[in-house]
Amino acid sequence: MSERVLAVAQSAELGGAEHALLRVARRLPEHGFAVELAVPGDGPLTEAVPP
């Protein structure tokens, strides 16, 4: 069973922090983590995350 991580973004826009969050969230599964991303609404960040 994978460890679960909830990553919470403060914005649905794509700024520096959001790009860093995406990089980390994409790499965590390689290390045994299941990642869920919480985003406050629709925007470029939600479009950048696969379903």
C-alpha atoms as a PDB file:
ATOM      1  CA  MET A   1       0.000   0.000   0.000  1.00  0.00           C
ATOM      2  CA  SER A   2       1.297   3.463  -0.936  1.00  0.00           C
ATOM      3  CA  GLU A   3       1.625   6.329   1.472  1.00  0.00           C
ATOM      4  CA  ARG A   4      -0.918   8.992   0.566  1.00  0.00           C
ATOM      5  CA  VAL A   5      -0.114  12.682   0.120  1.00  0.00           C
ATOM      6  CA  LEU A   6      -2.563  15.548  -0.293  1.00  0.00           C
ATOM      7  CA  ALA A   7      -0.940  18.484  -2.086  1.00  0.00           C
ATOM      8  CA  VAL A   8      -2.908  21.717  -1.687  1.00  0.00           C
ATOM      9  CA  ALA A   9      -2.490  24.630  -4.087  1.00  0.00           C
ATOM     10  CA  GLN A  10      -3.592  28.116  -3.061  1.00  0.00           C
ATOM     11  CA  SER A  11      -4.253  29.170  -6.639  1.00  0.00           C
ATOM     12  CA  ALA A  12      -5.395  27.605  -9.902  1.00  0.00           C
ATOM     13  CA  GLU A  13      -2.964  29.872 -11.768  1.00  0.00           C
ATOM     14  CA  LEU A  14       0.473  28.650 -12.840  1.00  0.00           C
ATOM     15  CA  GLY A  15       3.185  30.551 -11.016  1.00  0.00           C
ATOM     16  CA  GLY A  16       6.512  29.446  -9.611  1.00  0.00           C
ATOM     17  CA  ALA A  17       5.093  27.684  -6.545  1.00  0.00           C
ATOM     18  CA  GLU A  18       2.545  25.816  -8.638  1.00  0.00           C
ATOM     19  CA  HIS A  19       5.203  24.662 -11.108  1.00  0.00           C
ATOM     20  CA  ALA A  20       7.287  23.376  -8.184  1.00  0.00           C
ATOM     21  CA  LEU A  21       4.244  21.618  -6.714  1.00  0.00           C
ATOM     22  CA  LEU A  22       3.591  19.882 -10.050  1.00  0.00           C
ATOM     23  CA  ARG A  23       7.217  18.741 -10.334  1.00  0.00           C
ATOM     24  CA  VAL A  24       7.132  17.233  -6.847  1.00  0.00           C
ATOM     25  CA  ALA A  25       3.676  15.676  -7.321  1.00  0.00           C
ATOM     26  CA  ARG A  26       4.765  14.026 -10.572  1.00  0.00           C
ATOM     27  CA  ARG A  27       7.880  12.494  -8.978  1.00  0.00           C
ATOM     28  CA  LEU A  28       6.370  11.242  -5.703  1.00  0.00           C
ATOM     29  CA  PRO A  29       4.726   8.129  -7.241  1.00  0.00           C
ATOM     30  CA  GLU A  30       8.211   6.920  -8.275  1.00  0.00           C
ATOM     31  CA  HIS A  31       9.004   6.805  -4.558  1.00  0.00           C
ATOM     32  CA  GLY A  32       5.875   4.939  -3.445  1.00  0.00           C
ATOM     33  CA  PHE A  33       3.492   7.817  -2.763  1.00  0.00           C
ATOM     34  CA  ALA A  34      -0.067   8.208  -4.041  1.00  0.00           C
ATOM     35  CA  VAL A  35      -0.726  11.913  -4.678  1.00  0.00           C
ATOM     36  CA  GLU A  36      -4.015  13.824  -4.697  1.00  0.00           C
ATOM     37  CA  LEU A  37      -3.947  17.483  -5.699  1.00  0.00           C
ATOM     38  CA  ALA A  38      -6.490  19.959  -4.301  1.00  0.00           C
ATOM     39  CA  VAL A  39      -6.925  23.120  -6.378  1.00  0.00           C
ATOM     40  CA  PRO A  40      -9.383  25.962  -5.641  1.00  0.00           C
ATOM     41  CA  GLY A  41     -11.315  26.015  -8.917  1.00  0.00           C
ATOM     42  CA  ASP A  42     -10.521  25.752 -12.591  1.00  0.00           C
ATOM     43  CA  GLY A  43      -7.557  27.365 -14.273  1.00  0.00           C
ATOM     44  CA  PRO A  44      -4.220  26.679 -15.915  1.00  0.00           C
ATOM     45  CA  LEU A  45      -3.080  24.483 -13.011  1.00  0.00           C
ATOM     46  CA  THR A  46      -6.088  22.176 -13.256  1.00  0.00           C
ATOM     47  CA  GLU A  47      -5.543  21.917 -17.012  1.00  0.00           C
ATOM     48  CA  ALA A  48      -1.893  20.917 -16.443  1.00  0.00           C
ATOM     49  CA  VAL A  49      -2.852  17.983 -14.190  1.00  0.00           C
ATOM     50  CA  PRO A  50      -3.896  14.724 -15.853  1.00  0.00           C
ATOM     51  CA  PRO A  51      -7.307  13.381 -14.745  1.00  0.00           C
END
